[in-house]
């Protein structure tokens, strides 16, 4: 197996409500050279079944399950340690990525080799249907500060 260009890591705990949509948003990426590494933190809902079905539909989707509930950070770290990609992107179980997300981020990093991390803004969706764009600060000091948290 060749090394994927991007590993998308995703910790999951009882995320069945949005898992299918989140996974589909990665499958629909314009950049196709990726793997999706999902670590289930011993969910008690239908998450594990959804993840197994997804991995059977697309060989780029790799699913793992922790032996017991260890928490978000442990599941995130486990997914990161299993990633084989040149680049690593992360997503949460309730995130929906725009189709150009990975292509745009990888292009930026390849065009700017002096930069080691890239992020993006996002939309915050509200129950009433409102969608608000949230932009991330791009100032070096603000980025460094945010990385501490």
N, C-alpha and C. Protein backbone atom coordinates (compact mmCIF):
# COMPACT_ATOMS: atom_id res chain seq x y z
N UNK A 1 0.84 -1.18 0.00
CA UNK A 1 0.00 0.00 0.00
C UNK A 1 0.88 1.24 0.00
N UNK A 2 0.54 2.19 -0.85
CA UNK A 2 1.30 3.43 -0.88
C UNK A 2 0.80 4.36 0.21
N UNK A 3 1.66 5.25 0.59
CA UNK A 3 1.33 6.22 1.64
C UNK A 3 0.36 7.26 1.09
N UNK A 4 -0.77 7.49 1.79
CA UNK A 4 -1.71 8.52 1.31
C UNK A 4 -1.12 9.92 1.49
N UNK A 5 -1.57 10.83 0.68
CA UNK A 5 -1.12 12.22 0.82
C UNK A 5 -1.64 12.80 2.13
N UNK A 6 -2.91 12.51 2.47
CA UNK A 6 -3.52 13.08 3.68
C UNK A 6 -4.18 11.98 4.50
N UNK A 7 -3.92 12.00 5.78
CA UNK A 7 -4.68 11.20 6.74
C UNK A 7 -5.61 12.16 7.47
N UNK A 8 -6.90 11.86 7.41
CA UNK A 8 -7.88 12.64 8.18
C UNK A 8 -8.18 11.81 9.42
N UNK A 9 -7.94 12.38 10.59
CA UNK A 9 -8.17 11.65 11.83
C UNK A 9 -9.46 12.14 12.48
N UNK A 10 -10.19 11.18 13.07
CA UNK A 10 -11.46 11.54 13.69
C UNK A 10 -11.72 10.66 14.92
N UNK A 11 -11.76 11.28 16.11
CA UNK A 11 -12.20 10.54 17.29
C UNK A 11 -13.72 10.52 17.32
N UNK A 12 -14.29 9.43 17.82
CA UNK A 12 -15.75 9.31 17.87
C UNK A 12 -16.17 8.77 19.22
N UNK A 13 -17.20 9.40 19.78
CA UNK A 13 -17.87 8.84 20.95
C UNK A 13 -19.35 9.20 20.86
N UNK A 14 -20.17 8.20 20.73
CA UNK A 14 -21.63 8.37 20.63
C UNK A 14 -22.00 9.47 19.62
N UNK A 15 -21.45 9.34 18.44
CA UNK A 15 -21.67 10.37 17.42
C UNK A 15 -22.58 9.95 16.29
N UNK A 16 -23.42 8.96 16.51
CA UNK A 16 -24.22 8.40 15.42
C UNK A 16 -25.10 9.42 14.70
N UNK A 17 -25.48 10.48 15.36
CA UNK A 17 -26.41 11.44 14.76
C UNK A 17 -25.85 12.06 13.47
N UNK A 18 -24.56 12.39 13.44
CA UNK A 18 -23.98 13.08 12.29
C UNK A 18 -22.88 12.29 11.58
N UNK A 19 -22.56 11.10 12.05
CA UNK A 19 -21.43 10.35 11.50
C UNK A 19 -21.52 10.13 10.00
N UNK A 20 -22.64 9.70 9.52
CA UNK A 20 -22.77 9.42 8.08
C UNK A 20 -22.47 10.67 7.25
N UNK A 21 -23.01 11.80 7.67
CA UNK A 21 -22.79 13.05 6.93
C UNK A 21 -21.33 13.49 7.01
N UNK A 22 -20.73 13.33 8.17
CA UNK A 22 -19.32 13.70 8.33
C UNK A 22 -18.44 12.84 7.43
N UNK A 23 -18.66 11.54 7.47
CA UNK A 23 -17.86 10.62 6.64
C UNK A 23 -18.08 10.91 5.16
N UNK A 24 -19.30 11.14 4.77
CA UNK A 24 -19.60 11.43 3.37
C UNK A 24 -18.90 12.70 2.91
N UNK A 25 -18.78 13.68 3.79
CA UNK A 25 -18.11 14.93 3.40
C UNK A 25 -16.63 14.70 3.12
N UNK A 26 -16.03 13.73 3.75
CA UNK A 26 -14.63 13.38 3.45
C UNK A 26 -14.58 12.57 2.15
N UNK A 27 -15.49 11.66 1.98
CA UNK A 27 -15.52 10.86 0.74
C UNK A 27 -15.72 11.73 -0.50
N UNK A 28 -16.39 12.87 -0.37
CA UNK A 28 -16.67 13.75 -1.50
C UNK A 28 -15.58 14.81 -1.73
N UNK A 29 -14.45 14.66 -1.09
CA UNK A 29 -13.38 15.62 -1.27
C UNK A 29 -12.88 15.64 -2.71
N UNK A 30 -12.53 16.84 -3.20
CA UNK A 30 -11.95 16.97 -4.53
C UNK A 30 -10.59 16.29 -4.60
N UNK A 31 -9.82 16.38 -3.54
CA UNK A 31 -8.56 15.66 -3.42
C UNK A 31 -8.92 14.24 -3.00
N UNK A 32 -8.52 13.25 -3.77
CA UNK A 32 -8.95 11.88 -3.50
C UNK A 32 -7.90 11.01 -2.82
N UNK A 33 -6.68 11.51 -2.68
CA UNK A 33 -5.59 10.72 -2.09
C UNK A 33 -5.55 10.93 -0.58
N UNK A 34 -6.45 10.25 0.11
CA UNK A 34 -6.58 10.39 1.56
C UNK A 34 -6.94 9.05 2.18
N UNK A 35 -6.74 8.98 3.48
CA UNK A 35 -7.30 7.91 4.30
C UNK A 35 -8.03 8.59 5.44
N UNK A 36 -9.09 7.97 5.91
CA UNK A 36 -9.84 8.48 7.06
C UNK A 36 -9.61 7.49 8.19
N UNK A 37 -8.93 7.95 9.23
CA UNK A 37 -8.60 7.10 10.39
C UNK A 37 -9.53 7.48 11.52
N UNK A 38 -10.43 6.56 11.85
CA UNK A 38 -11.45 6.84 12.87
C UNK A 38 -11.22 5.93 14.07
N UNK A 39 -11.17 6.54 15.24
CA UNK A 39 -11.04 5.76 16.48
C UNK A 39 -12.30 5.98 17.31
N UNK A 40 -13.02 4.88 17.52
CA UNK A 40 -14.22 4.91 18.34
C UNK A 40 -13.83 4.70 19.80
N UNK A 41 -14.28 5.58 20.66
CA UNK A 41 -13.94 5.56 22.08
C UNK A 41 -14.97 4.75 22.87
N UNK A 42 -15.24 3.53 22.38
CA UNK A 42 -16.18 2.62 23.04
C UNK A 42 -17.59 3.22 23.13
N UNK A 43 -18.08 3.69 22.01
CA UNK A 43 -19.43 4.27 21.97
C UNK A 43 -20.47 3.27 22.42
N UNK A 44 -21.55 3.80 23.00
CA UNK A 44 -22.65 2.96 23.45
C UNK A 44 -23.88 3.11 22.54
N UNK A 45 -23.78 3.95 21.52
CA UNK A 45 -24.87 4.11 20.56
C UNK A 45 -24.54 3.31 19.29
N UNK A 46 -25.09 3.65 18.18
CA UNK A 46 -24.89 2.92 16.93
C UNK A 46 -23.62 3.32 16.18
N UNK A 47 -22.77 4.14 16.77
CA UNK A 47 -21.58 4.64 16.09
C UNK A 47 -20.72 3.53 15.51
N UNK A 48 -20.41 2.52 16.31
CA UNK A 48 -19.51 1.46 15.85
C UNK A 48 -20.08 0.74 14.63
N UNK A 49 -21.36 0.48 14.62
CA UNK A 49 -21.99 -0.16 13.46
C UNK A 49 -21.89 0.72 12.22
N UNK A 50 -22.14 2.00 12.38
CA UNK A 50 -22.03 2.95 11.27
C UNK A 50 -20.61 2.98 10.73
N UNK A 51 -19.63 2.99 11.63
CA UNK A 51 -18.23 3.04 11.22
C UNK A 51 -17.83 1.78 10.46
N UNK A 52 -18.26 0.63 10.93
CA UNK A 52 -17.93 -0.62 10.25
C UNK A 52 -18.55 -0.65 8.85
N UNK A 53 -19.78 -0.19 8.73
CA UNK A 53 -20.42 -0.13 7.41
C UNK A 53 -19.65 0.79 6.47
N UNK A 54 -19.24 1.94 6.98
CA UNK A 54 -18.50 2.90 6.16
C UNK A 54 -17.18 2.31 5.68
N UNK A 55 -16.49 1.59 6.55
CA UNK A 55 -15.20 1.02 6.17
C UNK A 55 -15.36 -0.08 5.12
N UNK A 56 -16.52 -0.73 5.09
CA UNK A 56 -16.77 -1.75 4.08
C UNK A 56 -17.10 -1.13 2.72
N UNK A 57 -17.56 0.11 2.72
CA UNK A 57 -17.92 0.81 1.48
C UNK A 57 -16.73 1.48 0.81
N UNK A 58 -15.70 1.79 1.58
CA UNK A 58 -14.56 2.53 1.04
C UNK A 58 -13.30 2.08 1.75
N UNK A 59 -12.36 1.46 1.03
CA UNK A 59 -11.14 0.94 1.67
C UNK A 59 -10.22 2.02 2.25
N UNK A 60 -10.48 3.28 1.91
CA UNK A 60 -9.67 4.37 2.48
C UNK A 60 -10.10 4.70 3.90
N UNK A 61 -11.23 4.15 4.34
CA UNK A 61 -11.73 4.40 5.69
C UNK A 61 -11.26 3.28 6.61
N UNK A 62 -10.48 3.65 7.60
CA UNK A 62 -9.92 2.69 8.57
C UNK A 62 -10.58 2.97 9.93
N UNK A 63 -11.16 1.94 10.52
CA UNK A 63 -11.83 2.13 11.81
C UNK A 63 -11.19 1.25 12.88
N UNK A 64 -11.07 1.81 14.05
CA UNK A 64 -10.48 1.14 15.21
C UNK A 64 -11.37 1.45 16.42
N UNK A 65 -11.31 0.57 17.39
CA UNK A 65 -12.12 0.78 18.59
C UNK A 65 -11.25 0.57 19.82
N UNK A 66 -11.30 1.54 20.73
CA UNK A 66 -10.57 1.41 21.98
C UNK A 66 -11.22 0.33 22.83
N UNK A 67 -10.42 -0.31 23.69
CA UNK A 67 -10.93 -1.40 24.52
C UNK A 67 -11.87 -0.92 25.62
N UNK A 68 -11.76 0.35 25.95
CA UNK A 68 -12.65 0.95 26.95
C UNK A 68 -12.69 2.45 26.69
N UNK A 69 -13.66 3.12 27.26
CA UNK A 69 -13.79 4.56 27.07
C UNK A 69 -12.62 5.26 27.76
N UNK A 70 -11.84 5.99 26.98
CA UNK A 70 -10.64 6.65 27.50
C UNK A 70 -10.70 8.17 27.37
N UNK A 71 -11.69 8.69 26.66
CA UNK A 71 -11.82 10.13 26.52
C UNK A 71 -11.38 10.64 25.15
N UNK A 72 -11.84 11.85 24.84
CA UNK A 72 -11.61 12.48 23.54
C UNK A 72 -10.12 12.58 23.19
N UNK A 73 -9.32 13.03 24.13
CA UNK A 73 -7.90 13.22 23.86
C UNK A 73 -7.22 11.90 23.52
N UNK A 74 -7.53 10.84 24.26
CA UNK A 74 -6.92 9.53 24.00
C UNK A 74 -7.33 9.00 22.63
N UNK A 75 -8.60 9.16 22.29
CA UNK A 75 -9.06 8.70 20.97
C UNK A 75 -8.40 9.52 19.86
N UNK A 76 -8.26 10.82 20.06
CA UNK A 76 -7.58 11.68 19.08
C UNK A 76 -6.12 11.26 18.91
N UNK A 77 -5.43 11.05 20.02
CA UNK A 77 -4.03 10.64 19.96
C UNK A 77 -3.87 9.27 19.31
N UNK A 78 -4.78 8.36 19.59
CA UNK A 78 -4.72 7.04 18.96
C UNK A 78 -4.88 7.16 17.45
N UNK A 79 -5.83 7.97 17.01
CA UNK A 79 -6.03 8.17 15.57
C UNK A 79 -4.78 8.78 14.93
N UNK A 80 -4.21 9.76 15.58
CA UNK A 80 -3.01 10.41 15.06
C UNK A 80 -1.86 9.40 14.93
N UNK A 81 -1.71 8.52 15.92
CA UNK A 81 -0.61 7.55 15.88
C UNK A 81 -0.81 6.51 14.77
N UNK A 82 -2.03 6.30 14.33
CA UNK A 82 -2.31 5.34 13.26
C UNK A 82 -2.25 5.97 11.87
N UNK A 83 -2.17 7.28 11.80
CA UNK A 83 -2.16 8.00 10.52
C UNK A 83 -0.88 7.70 9.75
N UNK A 84 -1.01 7.48 8.45
CA UNK A 84 0.13 7.17 7.60
C UNK A 84 0.39 8.25 6.55
N UNK A 85 -0.43 9.27 6.51
CA UNK A 85 -0.33 10.28 5.46
C UNK A 85 0.87 11.20 5.59
N UNK A 86 1.20 11.82 4.47
CA UNK A 86 2.24 12.85 4.46
C UNK A 86 1.77 14.03 5.30
N UNK A 87 0.50 14.38 5.15
CA UNK A 87 -0.13 15.43 5.94
C UNK A 87 -1.23 14.81 6.80
N UNK A 88 -1.51 15.44 7.93
CA UNK A 88 -2.59 14.98 8.80
C UNK A 88 -3.58 16.13 8.98
N UNK A 89 -4.84 15.82 8.74
CA UNK A 89 -5.94 16.76 8.98
C UNK A 89 -6.81 16.12 10.04
N UNK A 90 -7.53 16.92 10.76
CA UNK A 90 -8.44 16.33 11.75
C UNK A 90 -9.84 16.86 11.54
N UNK A 91 -10.76 16.07 11.99
CA UNK A 91 -12.16 16.45 11.93
C UNK A 91 -12.85 15.85 13.15
N UNK A 92 -13.96 16.41 13.52
CA UNK A 92 -14.75 15.86 14.62
C UNK A 92 -15.95 15.13 14.05
N UNK A 93 -16.59 14.36 14.88
CA UNK A 93 -17.69 13.48 14.46
C UNK A 93 -18.92 14.23 13.97
N UNK A 94 -18.99 15.52 14.23
CA UNK A 94 -20.14 16.30 13.79
C UNK A 94 -19.75 17.43 12.84
N UNK A 95 -18.56 17.31 12.23
CA UNK A 95 -18.10 18.31 11.26
C UNK A 95 -18.45 17.86 9.85
N UNK A 96 -18.76 18.81 9.00
CA UNK A 96 -18.99 18.55 7.60
C UNK A 96 -18.00 19.41 6.83
N UNK A 97 -17.10 18.75 6.09
CA UNK A 97 -16.07 19.48 5.34
C UNK A 97 -16.57 19.83 3.96
N UNK A 98 -16.28 21.04 3.54
CA UNK A 98 -16.59 21.45 2.17
C UNK A 98 -15.74 20.62 1.22
N UNK A 99 -16.20 20.35 0.00
CA UNK A 99 -15.49 19.45 -0.92
C UNK A 99 -14.07 19.88 -1.27
N UNK A 100 -13.79 21.16 -1.21
CA UNK A 100 -12.45 21.64 -1.56
C UNK A 100 -11.51 21.76 -0.36
N UNK A 101 -11.94 21.39 0.82
CA UNK A 101 -11.15 21.59 2.03
C UNK A 101 -9.73 21.00 1.92
N UNK A 102 -9.61 19.71 1.70
CA UNK A 102 -8.28 19.08 1.70
C UNK A 102 -7.42 19.59 0.56
N UNK A 103 -8.00 19.74 -0.61
CA UNK A 103 -7.25 20.24 -1.77
C UNK A 103 -6.67 21.62 -1.49
N UNK A 104 -7.49 22.49 -0.92
CA UNK A 104 -7.05 23.85 -0.62
C UNK A 104 -5.95 23.86 0.44
N UNK A 105 -6.13 23.10 1.50
CA UNK A 105 -5.14 23.08 2.58
C UNK A 105 -3.82 22.47 2.12
N UNK A 106 -3.88 21.37 1.37
CA UNK A 106 -2.64 20.74 0.88
C UNK A 106 -1.93 21.66 -0.10
N UNK A 107 -2.68 22.27 -1.01
CA UNK A 107 -2.07 23.20 -1.97
C UNK A 107 -1.35 24.33 -1.25
N UNK A 108 -2.00 24.87 -0.22
CA UNK A 108 -1.39 25.96 0.55
C UNK A 108 -0.08 25.49 1.19
N UNK A 109 -0.09 24.33 1.81
CA UNK A 109 1.11 23.82 2.48
C UNK A 109 2.23 23.51 1.48
N UNK A 110 1.89 22.96 0.34
CA UNK A 110 2.90 22.67 -0.68
C UNK A 110 3.48 23.95 -1.27
N UNK A 111 2.65 24.97 -1.42
CA UNK A 111 3.12 26.25 -1.96
C UNK A 111 3.89 27.08 -0.94
N UNK A 112 3.77 26.74 0.34
CA UNK A 112 4.42 27.50 1.42
C UNK A 112 5.15 26.53 2.36
N UNK A 113 6.25 25.93 1.90
CA UNK A 113 6.92 24.89 2.70
C UNK A 113 7.47 25.39 4.04
N UNK A 114 7.57 26.68 4.21
CA UNK A 114 8.04 27.22 5.49
C UNK A 114 6.95 27.20 6.56
N UNK A 115 5.73 26.89 6.15
CA UNK A 115 4.60 26.85 7.08
C UNK A 115 4.31 25.40 7.41
N UNK A 116 4.10 25.11 8.67
CA UNK A 116 3.92 23.73 9.11
C UNK A 116 2.52 23.36 9.54
N UNK A 117 1.60 24.33 9.57
CA UNK A 117 0.24 24.03 10.01
C UNK A 117 -0.73 24.96 9.28
N UNK A 118 -1.87 24.41 8.92
CA UNK A 118 -2.90 25.22 8.26
C UNK A 118 -4.25 24.89 8.86
N UNK A 119 -5.08 25.86 8.94
CA UNK A 119 -6.44 25.67 9.43
C UNK A 119 -7.39 26.34 8.48
N UNK A 120 -8.60 26.48 8.92
CA UNK A 120 -9.58 27.15 8.08
C UNK A 120 -10.69 27.71 8.95
N UNK A 121 -11.45 28.57 8.37
CA UNK A 121 -12.64 29.04 9.04
C UNK A 121 -13.69 27.96 8.98
N UNK A 122 -14.84 28.26 9.52
CA UNK A 122 -15.93 27.28 9.48
C UNK A 122 -17.26 28.02 9.59
N UNK A 123 -18.31 27.27 9.37
CA UNK A 123 -19.64 27.79 9.56
C UNK A 123 -20.20 27.22 10.86
N UNK A 124 -20.80 28.05 11.66
CA UNK A 124 -21.51 27.59 12.85
C UNK A 124 -22.98 27.51 12.48
N UNK A 125 -23.56 26.33 12.65
CA UNK A 125 -24.96 26.10 12.29
C UNK A 125 -25.80 26.11 13.54
N UNK A 126 -26.92 26.79 13.48
CA UNK A 126 -27.82 26.89 14.63
C UNK A 126 -29.12 26.15 14.35
N UNK A 127 -29.79 25.76 15.41
CA UNK A 127 -31.03 24.99 15.29
C UNK A 127 -32.10 25.69 14.48
N UNK A 128 -32.09 27.02 14.47
CA UNK A 128 -33.10 27.76 13.71
C UNK A 128 -32.76 27.87 12.22
N UNK A 129 -31.66 27.23 11.81
CA UNK A 129 -31.26 27.24 10.41
C UNK A 129 -30.25 28.31 10.06
N UNK A 130 -29.92 29.18 10.99
CA UNK A 130 -28.95 30.23 10.76
C UNK A 130 -27.57 29.62 10.55
N UNK A 131 -26.83 30.17 9.59
CA UNK A 131 -25.46 29.73 9.30
C UNK A 131 -24.57 30.96 9.35
N UNK A 132 -23.57 30.94 10.26
CA UNK A 132 -22.71 32.10 10.45
C UNK A 132 -21.26 31.69 10.18
N UNK A 133 -20.59 32.43 9.29
CA UNK A 133 -19.18 32.16 8.99
C UNK A 133 -18.32 32.60 10.16
N UNK A 134 -17.39 31.74 10.54
CA UNK A 134 -16.44 32.04 11.61
C UNK A 134 -15.06 31.99 10.98
N UNK A 135 -14.36 33.09 11.03
CA UNK A 135 -13.01 33.17 10.45
C UNK A 135 -11.97 33.05 11.55
N UNK A 136 -10.90 32.33 11.26
CA UNK A 136 -9.81 32.16 12.21
C UNK A 136 -8.81 33.31 12.04
N UNK A 137 -8.23 33.72 13.15
CA UNK A 137 -7.21 34.75 13.13
C UNK A 137 -5.96 34.22 12.43
N UNK A 138 -5.34 35.03 11.58
CA UNK A 138 -4.17 34.59 10.84
C UNK A 138 -2.87 35.21 11.35
N UNK A 139 -2.96 36.08 12.34
CA UNK A 139 -1.75 36.70 12.87
C UNK A 139 -0.91 35.66 13.60
N UNK A 140 0.39 35.69 13.37
CA UNK A 140 1.30 34.68 13.93
C UNK A 140 1.15 34.55 15.45
N UNK A 141 1.12 35.63 16.17
CA UNK A 141 1.01 35.57 17.64
C UNK A 141 -0.32 34.93 18.06
N UNK A 142 -1.41 35.28 17.38
CA UNK A 142 -2.70 34.71 17.72
C UNK A 142 -2.74 33.22 17.44
N UNK A 143 -2.13 32.79 16.34
CA UNK A 143 -2.08 31.36 16.01
C UNK A 143 -1.28 30.61 17.06
N UNK A 144 -0.12 31.15 17.43
CA UNK A 144 0.71 30.49 18.45
C UNK A 144 -0.04 30.39 19.79
N UNK A 145 -0.75 31.44 20.14
CA UNK A 145 -1.51 31.44 21.38
C UNK A 145 -2.60 30.36 21.34
N UNK A 146 -3.32 30.31 20.22
CA UNK A 146 -4.41 29.34 20.07
C UNK A 146 -3.90 27.89 20.13
N UNK A 147 -2.70 27.66 19.64
CA UNK A 147 -2.14 26.30 19.65
C UNK A 147 -1.92 25.79 21.09
N UNK A 148 -1.78 26.71 22.03
CA UNK A 148 -1.60 26.28 23.42
C UNK A 148 -2.87 25.64 23.97
N UNK A 149 -4.00 25.95 23.35
CA UNK A 149 -5.28 25.47 23.87
C UNK A 149 -5.93 24.49 22.93
